[in-house]
């Protein structure tokens, strides 16, 4: 099991601590932190964590009762990391902070894996999948270029903008 962190990560103290209401967090999500080296992040700290560099995957597990497959993702995520051709760090979001982070990155399904690289958005991978398909989708996400999150900076341009110099 890969629980090592990069040297620079060990020097940076991220502001997110384990959630106060630990009872809200499932044992399987907590296990990602305690046994698998995942980091707690929220909508404020995710940028600093992602800026530490490399490929990074954030689990948005969702409510364990409404979305039980989120617990399955929490179990297989360390295995996906071990089997992937490229290394990646893992973070989890306290349940009460997931909605804010999901909106920031345009995610609207639970569970979702949010892929970041060198501090920037890559893609999301929603749902739980059969092993071979899941590993293929993770490999595809790790190979994708950095892109723009679906909810950030979509420009609105008039059809006539190129030819019309007026402001009306």
N, C-alpha and C. Protein backbone atom coordinates (compact mmCIF):
# COMPACT_ATOMS: atom_id res chain seq x y z
N UNK A 1 0.85 -1.18 0.00
CA UNK A 1 0.00 0.00 0.00
C UNK A 1 0.89 1.23 0.00
N UNK A 2 0.69 2.14 -0.91
CA UNK A 2 1.49 3.34 -1.04
C UNK A 2 0.95 4.43 -0.12
N UNK A 3 1.68 4.66 0.98
CA UNK A 3 1.24 5.71 1.90
C UNK A 3 2.27 6.83 1.97
N UNK A 4 3.26 6.79 1.08
CA UNK A 4 4.27 7.83 1.08
C UNK A 4 3.70 9.11 0.50
N UNK A 5 4.22 10.22 0.98
CA UNK A 5 3.87 11.51 0.39
C UNK A 5 5.15 12.15 -0.09
N UNK A 6 5.01 13.08 -1.00
CA UNK A 6 6.18 13.76 -1.52
C UNK A 6 6.82 14.58 -0.42
N UNK A 7 8.10 14.86 -0.58
CA UNK A 7 8.81 15.65 0.41
C UNK A 7 8.20 17.01 0.61
N UNK A 8 7.80 17.67 -0.48
CA UNK A 8 7.21 19.00 -0.35
C UNK A 8 5.87 18.94 0.36
N UNK A 9 5.13 17.86 0.19
CA UNK A 9 3.83 17.75 0.84
C UNK A 9 4.00 17.66 2.35
N UNK A 10 5.05 17.00 2.81
CA UNK A 10 5.22 16.86 4.25
C UNK A 10 5.59 18.18 4.90
N UNK A 11 6.11 19.14 4.13
CA UNK A 11 6.48 20.43 4.67
C UNK A 11 5.32 21.41 4.71
N UNK A 12 4.28 21.17 3.95
CA UNK A 12 3.15 22.08 3.87
C UNK A 12 2.07 21.63 4.82
N UNK A 13 1.61 22.53 5.67
CA UNK A 13 0.52 22.20 6.60
C UNK A 13 -0.77 22.74 6.01
N UNK A 14 -1.63 21.85 5.60
CA UNK A 14 -2.91 22.26 5.05
C UNK A 14 -3.87 22.55 6.20
N UNK A 15 -4.76 23.55 6.01
CA UNK A 15 -5.62 23.97 7.11
C UNK A 15 -6.76 23.01 7.46
N UNK A 16 -7.04 22.04 6.64
CA UNK A 16 -8.17 21.16 6.93
C UNK A 16 -7.74 20.04 7.86
N UNK A 17 -8.43 19.92 8.94
CA UNK A 17 -8.21 18.85 9.90
C UNK A 17 -9.34 17.85 9.74
N UNK A 18 -9.21 16.67 10.32
CA UNK A 18 -10.33 15.73 10.26
C UNK A 18 -11.60 16.41 10.76
N UNK A 19 -12.72 16.09 10.15
CA UNK A 19 -13.97 16.74 10.54
C UNK A 19 -14.27 16.55 12.02
N UNK A 20 -14.83 17.58 12.62
CA UNK A 20 -15.20 17.52 14.04
C UNK A 20 -16.27 16.46 14.26
N UNK A 21 -17.24 16.42 13.36
CA UNK A 21 -18.34 15.46 13.49
C UNK A 21 -17.95 14.18 12.77
N UNK A 22 -16.99 13.45 13.36
CA UNK A 22 -16.46 12.24 12.73
C UNK A 22 -17.57 11.23 12.47
N UNK A 23 -18.61 11.24 13.26
CA UNK A 23 -19.71 10.29 13.06
C UNK A 23 -20.34 10.47 11.68
N UNK A 24 -20.27 11.68 11.10
CA UNK A 24 -20.82 11.92 9.77
C UNK A 24 -19.98 11.28 8.68
N UNK A 25 -18.73 11.01 8.97
CA UNK A 25 -17.83 10.43 7.99
C UNK A 25 -17.85 8.91 8.15
N UNK A 26 -18.02 8.22 7.05
CA UNK A 26 -18.05 6.77 7.12
C UNK A 26 -16.67 6.23 7.50
N UNK A 27 -16.66 5.06 8.07
CA UNK A 27 -15.40 4.42 8.44
C UNK A 27 -14.54 4.16 7.21
N UNK A 28 -15.17 3.88 6.08
CA UNK A 28 -14.39 3.60 4.87
C UNK A 28 -13.72 4.85 4.32
N UNK A 29 -14.39 5.98 4.42
CA UNK A 29 -13.78 7.25 4.00
C UNK A 29 -12.67 7.63 4.98
N UNK A 30 -12.93 7.48 6.26
CA UNK A 30 -11.90 7.77 7.26
C UNK A 30 -10.67 6.88 7.07
N UNK A 31 -10.89 5.64 6.65
CA UNK A 31 -9.80 4.70 6.41
C UNK A 31 -8.85 5.19 5.32
N UNK A 32 -9.39 5.90 4.32
CA UNK A 32 -8.53 6.45 3.27
C UNK A 32 -7.48 7.38 3.86
N UNK A 33 -7.86 8.11 4.89
CA UNK A 33 -6.92 9.03 5.54
C UNK A 33 -6.00 8.28 6.50
N UNK A 34 -6.59 7.48 7.37
CA UNK A 34 -5.79 6.83 8.42
C UNK A 34 -4.87 5.73 7.89
N UNK A 35 -5.31 4.98 6.89
CA UNK A 35 -4.52 3.84 6.43
C UNK A 35 -3.89 4.01 5.05
N UNK A 36 -4.42 4.92 4.25
CA UNK A 36 -3.98 4.99 2.85
C UNK A 36 -3.32 6.31 2.48
N UNK A 37 -3.08 7.16 3.47
CA UNK A 37 -2.33 8.39 3.21
C UNK A 37 -3.10 9.51 2.52
N UNK A 38 -4.42 9.42 2.49
CA UNK A 38 -5.21 10.50 1.89
C UNK A 38 -5.18 11.73 2.80
N UNK A 39 -5.52 12.86 2.23
CA UNK A 39 -5.53 14.14 2.93
C UNK A 39 -6.95 14.67 2.97
N UNK A 40 -7.35 15.27 4.10
CA UNK A 40 -8.64 15.97 4.16
C UNK A 40 -8.48 17.31 3.46
N UNK A 41 -9.38 17.64 2.54
CA UNK A 41 -9.40 18.96 1.90
C UNK A 41 -10.83 19.48 1.89
N UNK A 42 -10.97 20.78 1.71
CA UNK A 42 -12.28 21.38 1.54
C UNK A 42 -12.19 22.42 0.43
N UNK A 43 -13.24 23.22 0.25
CA UNK A 43 -13.27 24.18 -0.85
C UNK A 43 -12.19 25.25 -0.70
N UNK A 44 -11.68 25.45 0.50
CA UNK A 44 -10.64 26.46 0.72
C UNK A 44 -9.23 25.88 0.56
N UNK A 45 -9.01 24.66 0.99
CA UNK A 45 -7.67 24.09 0.99
C UNK A 45 -7.33 23.27 -0.24
N UNK A 46 -8.32 22.91 -1.04
CA UNK A 46 -8.05 22.04 -2.18
C UNK A 46 -7.05 22.66 -3.15
N UNK A 47 -7.09 23.96 -3.33
CA UNK A 47 -6.15 24.61 -4.26
C UNK A 47 -4.72 24.48 -3.78
N UNK A 48 -4.49 24.69 -2.48
CA UNK A 48 -3.14 24.56 -1.94
C UNK A 48 -2.65 23.12 -2.05
N UNK A 49 -3.54 22.18 -1.75
CA UNK A 49 -3.17 20.76 -1.85
C UNK A 49 -2.85 20.39 -3.29
N UNK A 50 -3.69 20.82 -4.22
CA UNK A 50 -3.47 20.49 -5.63
C UNK A 50 -2.21 21.15 -6.17
N UNK A 51 -1.88 22.34 -5.66
CA UNK A 51 -0.69 23.06 -6.13
C UNK A 51 0.61 22.39 -5.71
N UNK A 52 0.55 21.38 -4.84
CA UNK A 52 1.75 20.66 -4.45
C UNK A 52 2.32 19.87 -5.63
N UNK A 53 1.54 19.74 -6.69
CA UNK A 53 2.05 19.18 -7.93
C UNK A 53 1.66 17.74 -8.18
N UNK A 54 1.82 17.36 -9.43
CA UNK A 54 1.51 16.01 -9.84
C UNK A 54 0.03 15.75 -9.98
N UNK A 55 -0.29 14.50 -10.25
CA UNK A 55 -1.69 14.09 -10.38
C UNK A 55 -2.28 13.88 -9.00
N UNK A 56 -3.52 14.36 -8.86
CA UNK A 56 -4.21 14.30 -7.58
C UNK A 56 -5.67 13.98 -7.82
N UNK A 57 -6.23 13.15 -6.96
CA UNK A 57 -7.61 12.71 -7.10
C UNK A 57 -8.35 12.97 -5.79
N UNK A 58 -9.48 13.66 -5.91
CA UNK A 58 -10.31 13.99 -4.75
C UNK A 58 -11.57 13.14 -4.82
N UNK A 59 -11.87 12.44 -3.73
CA UNK A 59 -13.10 11.65 -3.65
C UNK A 59 -14.22 12.49 -3.06
N UNK A 60 -15.30 12.62 -3.81
CA UNK A 60 -16.56 13.18 -3.32
C UNK A 60 -17.50 11.98 -3.19
N UNK A 61 -17.55 11.39 -2.00
CA UNK A 61 -18.26 10.13 -1.81
C UNK A 61 -19.77 10.29 -1.74
N UNK A 62 -20.23 11.42 -1.26
CA UNK A 62 -21.66 11.60 -1.08
C UNK A 62 -22.16 10.93 0.19
N UNK A 63 -23.40 11.16 0.49
CA UNK A 63 -24.03 10.57 1.66
C UNK A 63 -24.05 9.05 1.54
N UNK A 64 -23.54 8.38 2.56
CA UNK A 64 -23.41 6.91 2.50
C UNK A 64 -24.74 6.20 2.40
N UNK A 65 -25.82 6.79 2.91
CA UNK A 65 -27.13 6.16 2.83
C UNK A 65 -27.75 6.37 1.45
N UNK A 66 -27.71 7.58 0.95
CA UNK A 66 -28.30 7.89 -0.36
C UNK A 66 -27.47 7.36 -1.52
N UNK A 67 -26.15 7.33 -1.35
CA UNK A 67 -25.24 6.92 -2.43
C UNK A 67 -24.25 5.88 -1.91
N UNK A 68 -24.74 4.66 -1.63
CA UNK A 68 -23.86 3.65 -1.04
C UNK A 68 -22.67 3.30 -1.93
N UNK A 69 -22.78 3.52 -3.23
CA UNK A 69 -21.65 3.19 -4.11
C UNK A 69 -20.44 4.08 -3.81
N UNK A 70 -20.65 5.21 -3.13
CA UNK A 70 -19.53 6.05 -2.70
C UNK A 70 -18.60 5.30 -1.75
N UNK A 71 -19.18 4.41 -0.97
CA UNK A 71 -18.38 3.60 -0.06
C UNK A 71 -17.56 2.58 -0.84
N UNK A 72 -18.13 2.06 -1.92
CA UNK A 72 -17.39 1.14 -2.78
C UNK A 72 -16.19 1.85 -3.41
N UNK A 73 -16.41 3.09 -3.85
CA UNK A 73 -15.32 3.86 -4.44
C UNK A 73 -14.23 4.09 -3.41
N UNK A 74 -14.61 4.38 -2.17
CA UNK A 74 -13.62 4.58 -1.11
C UNK A 74 -12.76 3.32 -0.90
N UNK A 75 -13.36 2.16 -1.09
CA UNK A 75 -12.62 0.90 -0.93
C UNK A 75 -11.68 0.64 -2.11
N UNK A 76 -12.14 0.88 -3.32
CA UNK A 76 -11.32 0.53 -4.49
C UNK A 76 -10.32 1.61 -4.88
N UNK A 77 -10.49 2.84 -4.40
CA UNK A 77 -9.59 3.92 -4.80
C UNK A 77 -8.12 3.62 -4.52
N UNK A 78 -7.75 3.09 -3.35
CA UNK A 78 -6.33 2.74 -3.15
C UNK A 78 -5.85 1.66 -4.13
N UNK A 79 -6.72 0.73 -4.48
CA UNK A 79 -6.35 -0.30 -5.45
C UNK A 79 -6.19 0.29 -6.85
N UNK A 80 -7.05 1.24 -7.19
CA UNK A 80 -6.90 1.93 -8.47
C UNK A 80 -5.56 2.67 -8.53
N UNK A 81 -5.21 3.32 -7.42
CA UNK A 81 -3.92 4.03 -7.37
C UNK A 81 -2.76 3.05 -7.54
N UNK A 82 -2.85 1.92 -6.86
CA UNK A 82 -1.78 0.93 -6.95
C UNK A 82 -1.65 0.36 -8.36
N UNK A 83 -2.77 0.21 -9.06
CA UNK A 83 -2.77 -0.41 -10.39
C UNK A 83 -2.54 0.58 -11.53
N UNK A 84 -2.67 1.86 -11.28
CA UNK A 84 -2.54 2.86 -12.33
C UNK A 84 -1.09 2.96 -12.80
N UNK A 85 -0.92 3.36 -14.04
CA UNK A 85 0.42 3.48 -14.61
C UNK A 85 1.13 4.74 -14.15
N UNK A 86 0.37 5.71 -13.61
CA UNK A 86 0.96 6.95 -13.11
C UNK A 86 0.56 7.12 -11.64
N UNK A 87 1.48 7.58 -10.81
CA UNK A 87 1.14 7.77 -9.40
C UNK A 87 0.20 8.97 -9.22
N UNK A 88 -0.63 8.91 -8.19
CA UNK A 88 -1.45 10.06 -7.84
C UNK A 88 -1.72 10.07 -6.34
N UNK A 89 -1.87 11.25 -5.82
CA UNK A 89 -2.21 11.44 -4.41
C UNK A 89 -3.73 11.45 -4.28
N UNK A 90 -4.22 11.15 -3.09
CA UNK A 90 -5.66 11.08 -2.85
C UNK A 90 -6.05 12.06 -1.75
N UNK A 91 -7.19 12.69 -1.94
CA UNK A 91 -7.80 13.52 -0.89
C UNK A 91 -9.26 13.15 -0.75
N UNK A 92 -9.79 13.41 0.41
CA UNK A 92 -11.22 13.23 0.66
C UNK A 92 -11.75 14.53 1.25
N UNK A 93 -13.03 14.74 1.03
CA UNK A 93 -13.68 15.96 1.47
C UNK A 93 -14.64 15.62 2.61
N UNK A 94 -14.59 16.37 3.71
CA UNK A 94 -15.59 16.13 4.76
C UNK A 94 -16.99 16.24 4.17
N UNK A 95 -17.85 15.35 4.57
CA UNK A 95 -19.20 15.25 4.01
C UNK A 95 -19.91 16.61 3.94
N UNK A 96 -19.82 17.41 4.99
CA UNK A 96 -20.54 18.69 5.03
C UNK A 96 -19.94 19.73 4.09
N UNK A 97 -18.78 19.48 3.50
CA UNK A 97 -18.13 20.41 2.57
C UNK A 97 -18.20 19.96 1.11
N UNK A 98 -18.71 18.77 0.86
CA UNK A 98 -18.70 18.21 -0.50
C UNK A 98 -19.47 19.06 -1.50
N UNK A 99 -20.63 19.53 -1.11
CA UNK A 99 -21.48 20.28 -2.04
C UNK A 99 -20.77 21.52 -2.58
N UNK A 100 -20.08 22.24 -1.71
CA UNK A 100 -19.37 23.45 -2.13
C UNK A 100 -18.27 23.11 -3.13
N UNK A 101 -17.53 22.08 -2.86
CA UNK A 101 -16.45 21.68 -3.76
C UNK A 101 -17.00 21.13 -5.07
N UNK A 102 -18.08 20.37 -5.00
CA UNK A 102 -18.69 19.82 -6.21
C UNK A 102 -19.15 20.95 -7.13
N UNK A 103 -19.80 21.96 -6.57
CA UNK A 103 -20.26 23.09 -7.38
C UNK A 103 -19.09 23.82 -8.02
N UNK A 104 -18.01 23.97 -7.28
CA UNK A 104 -16.84 24.69 -7.80
C UNK A 104 -16.28 24.03 -9.06
N UNK A 105 -16.36 22.71 -9.11
CA UNK A 105 -15.79 21.98 -10.24
C UNK A 105 -16.86 21.40 -11.18
N UNK A 106 -18.09 21.82 -11.03
CA UNK A 106 -19.14 21.42 -11.95
C UNK A 106 -19.58 19.97 -11.83
N UNK A 107 -19.36 19.37 -10.69
CA UNK A 107 -19.78 17.99 -10.48
C UNK A 107 -21.20 17.96 -9.92
N UNK A 108 -22.01 17.07 -10.46
CA UNK A 108 -23.39 16.98 -9.97
C UNK A 108 -23.84 15.54 -9.76
N UNK A 109 -22.88 14.60 -9.68
CA UNK A 109 -23.21 13.20 -9.41
C UNK A 109 -22.38 12.71 -8.24
N UNK A 110 -22.95 11.76 -7.51
CA UNK A 110 -22.26 11.16 -6.38
C UNK A 110 -22.16 9.66 -6.60
N UNK A 111 -21.10 9.04 -6.30
CA UNK A 111 -19.80 9.61 -5.97
C UNK A 111 -19.10 10.12 -7.23
N UNK A 112 -18.07 10.92 -7.01
CA UNK A 112 -17.27 11.44 -8.12
C UNK A 112 -15.81 11.47 -7.71
N UNK A 113 -14.96 11.12 -8.65
CA UNK A 113 -13.52 11.34 -8.50
C UNK A 113 -13.19 12.58 -9.30
N UNK A 114 -12.57 13.55 -8.65
CA UNK A 114 -12.15 14.80 -9.26
C UNK A 114 -10.65 14.72 -9.51
N UNK A 115 -10.24 14.85 -10.76
CA UNK A 115 -8.84 14.75 -11.13
C UNK A 115 -8.25 16.15 -11.30
N UNK A 116 -7.13 16.39 -10.63
CA UNK A 116 -6.42 17.66 -10.71
C UNK A 116 -4.96 17.35 -11.04
N UNK A 117 -4.30 18.29 -11.69
CA UNK A 117 -2.87 18.12 -11.99
C UNK A 117 -2.18 19.46 -11.85
N UNK A 118 -1.12 19.46 -11.08
CA UNK A 118 -0.32 20.67 -10.89
C UNK A 118 -1.18 21.88 -10.55
N UNK A 119 -2.17 21.66 -9.71
CA UNK A 119 -3.02 22.74 -9.24
C UNK A 119 -4.19 23.10 -10.14
N UNK A 120 -4.38 22.37 -11.23
CA UNK A 120 -5.42 22.71 -12.18
C UNK A 120 -6.36 21.53 -12.43
N UNK A 121 -7.56 21.87 -12.88
CA UNK A 121 -8.60 20.89 -13.16
C UNK A 121 -8.24 20.05 -14.39
N UNK A 122 -8.56 18.77 -14.31
CA UNK A 122 -8.40 17.87 -15.46
C UNK A 122 -9.79 17.37 -15.88
N UNK A 123 -10.46 16.61 -15.01
CA UNK A 123 -11.77 16.05 -15.34
C UNK A 123 -12.41 15.46 -14.08
N UNK A 124 -13.61 14.97 -14.24
CA UNK A 124 -14.26 14.20 -13.18
C UNK A 124 -14.66 12.84 -13.74
N UNK A 125 -14.76 11.89 -12.84
CA UNK A 125 -15.19 10.54 -13.19
C UNK A 125 -16.28 10.16 -12.19
N UNK A 126 -17.55 10.28 -12.60
CA UNK A 126 -18.64 9.99 -11.67
C UNK A 126 -19.00 8.51 -11.63
N UNK A 127 -19.57 8.11 -10.50
CA UNK A 127 -20.13 6.77 -10.37
C UNK A 127 -19.12 5.71 -9.98
N UNK A 128 -19.64 4.51 -9.82
CA UNK A 128 -18.85 3.31 -9.55
C UNK A 128 -18.92 2.45 -10.80
N UNK A 129 -17.83 1.77 -11.12
CA UNK A 129 -17.77 0.99 -12.36
C UNK A 129 -17.18 -0.38 -12.10
N UNK A 130 -17.37 -1.30 -13.03
CA UNK A 130 -16.69 -2.57 -12.98
C UNK A 130 -15.19 -2.31 -13.04
N UNK A 131 -14.40 -3.20 -12.45
CA UNK A 131 -12.97 -2.98 -12.27
C UNK A 131 -12.26 -2.60 -13.57
N UNK A 132 -12.37 -3.41 -14.61
CA UNK A 132 -11.62 -3.13 -15.84
C UNK A 132 -12.00 -1.78 -16.44
N UNK A 133 -13.29 -1.50 -16.46
CA UNK A 133 -13.74 -0.22 -16.99
C UNK A 133 -13.24 0.93 -16.11
N UNK A 134 -13.29 0.75 -14.80
CA UNK A 134 -12.85 1.79 -13.87
C UNK A 134 -11.37 2.10 -14.07
N UNK A 135 -10.56 1.06 -14.11
CA UNK A 135 -9.13 1.26 -14.31
C UNK A 135 -8.86 1.95 -15.65
N UNK A 136 -9.56 1.54 -16.70
CA UNK A 136 -9.39 2.20 -18.01
C UNK A 136 -9.78 3.67 -17.95
N UNK A 137 -10.86 3.98 -17.24
CA UNK A 137 -11.31 5.37 -17.12
C UNK A 137 -10.33 6.20 -16.29
N UNK A 138 -9.77 5.62 -15.25
CA UNK A 138 -8.76 6.32 -14.46
C UNK A 138 -7.52 6.57 -15.31
N UNK A 139 -7.09 5.58 -16.07
CA UNK A 139 -5.94 5.76 -16.97
C UNK A 139 -6.21 6.86 -17.99
N UNK A 140 -7.42 6.87 -18.53
CA UNK A 140 -7.79 7.91 -19.50
C UNK A 140 -7.73 9.29 -18.85
N UNK A 141 -8.28 9.40 -17.63
CA UNK A 141 -8.27 10.68 -16.92
C UNK A 141 -6.84 11.13 -16.61
N UNK A 142 -5.99 10.21 -16.21
CA UNK A 142 -4.60 10.56 -15.91
C UNK A 142 -3.84 11.00 -17.15
N UNK A 143 -4.25 10.55 -18.32
CA UNK A 143 -3.59 10.92 -19.58
C UNK A 143 -4.15 12.20 -20.20
N UNK A 144 -5.28 12.66 -19.71
CA UNK A 144 -5.91 13.86 -20.28
C UNK A 144 -5.10 15.11 -19.96
N UNK A 145 -5.20 16.12 -20.84
CA UNK A 145 -4.54 17.40 -20.54
C UNK A 145 -5.35 18.19 -19.51
N UNK A 146 -4.72 19.15 -18.93
CA UNK A 146 -5.41 20.08 -18.04
C UNK A 146 -6.47 20.80 -18.86
N UNK A 147 -7.62 21.07 -18.25
CA UNK A 147 -8.69 21.76 -18.96
C UNK A 147 -9.36 22.76 -18.02
N UNK A 148 -10.44 23.29 -18.47
CA UNK A 148 -11.19 24.25 -17.65
C UNK A 148 -12.35 23.52 -17.01
N UNK A 149 -12.55 23.78 -15.72
CA UNK A 149 -13.70 23.18 -15.04
C UNK A 149 -14.97 23.68 -15.70
N UNK A 150 -15.98 22.84 -15.83
CA UNK A 150 -17.19 23.21 -16.56
C UNK A 150 -17.90 24.46 -16.05
N UNK A 151 -17.66 24.86 -14.82
CA UNK A 151 -18.39 26.01 -14.29
C UNK A 151 -17.56 27.28 -14.24
N UNK A 152 -16.35 27.26 -14.75
CA UNK A 152 -15.47 28.41 -14.60
C UNK A 152 -15.21 29.07 -15.95
N UNK A 153 -15.45 30.36 -16.03
CA UNK A 153 -14.99 31.21 -17.13
C UNK A 153 -15.50 30.89 -18.51
N UNK A 154 -16.74 30.52 -18.66
CA UNK A 154 -17.26 30.29 -20.00
C UNK A 154 -17.61 31.66 -20.59
N UNK A 155 -16.88 32.09 -21.62
CA UNK A 155 -17.11 33.43 -22.16
C UNK A 155 -18.41 33.52 -22.94
N UNK A 156 -19.07 34.65 -22.82
CA UNK A 156 -20.27 34.92 -23.60
C UNK A 156 -19.88 35.94 -24.65
N UNK A 157 -20.02 35.56 -25.92
CA UNK A 157 -19.61 36.42 -27.02
C UNK A 157 -20.77 36.58 -27.97
N UNK A 158 -21.01 37.81 -28.39
CA UNK A 158 -22.06 38.09 -29.34
C UNK A 158 -21.68 37.54 -30.71
N UNK A 159 -22.65 37.08 -31.47
CA UNK A 159 -22.41 36.61 -32.84
C UNK A 159 -21.82 37.73 -33.67
N UNK A 160 -22.24 38.95 -33.41
CA UNK A 160 -21.78 40.11 -34.17
C UNK A 160 -20.53 40.74 -33.60
N UNK A 161 -19.95 40.18 -32.57
CA UNK A 161 -18.82 40.80 -31.88
C UNK A 161 -17.65 41.07 -32.80
N UNK A 162 -17.39 40.18 -33.75
CA UNK A 162 -16.24 40.34 -34.63
C UNK A 162 -16.44 41.45 -35.65
N UNK A 163 -17.67 41.73 -36.01
CA UNK A 163 -17.90 42.72 -37.06
C UNK A 163 -18.55 44.00 -36.56
N UNK A 164 -19.11 43.97 -35.39
CA UNK A 164 -19.88 45.11 -34.86
C UNK A 164 -19.03 45.83 -33.82
N UNK A 165 -18.68 47.09 -34.10
CA UNK A 165 -17.87 47.84 -33.15
C UNK A 165 -18.70 48.63 -32.16
N UNK A 166 -20.01 48.60 -32.30
CA UNK A 166 -20.86 49.33 -31.36
C UNK A 166 -21.04 48.51 -30.09
N UNK A 167 -21.52 49.15 -29.05
CA UNK A 167 -21.71 48.46 -27.79
C UNK A 167 -23.15 47.98 -27.64
N UNK A 168 -23.97 48.07 -28.68
CA UNK A 168 -25.36 47.63 -28.61
C UNK A 168 -25.61 46.46 -29.50
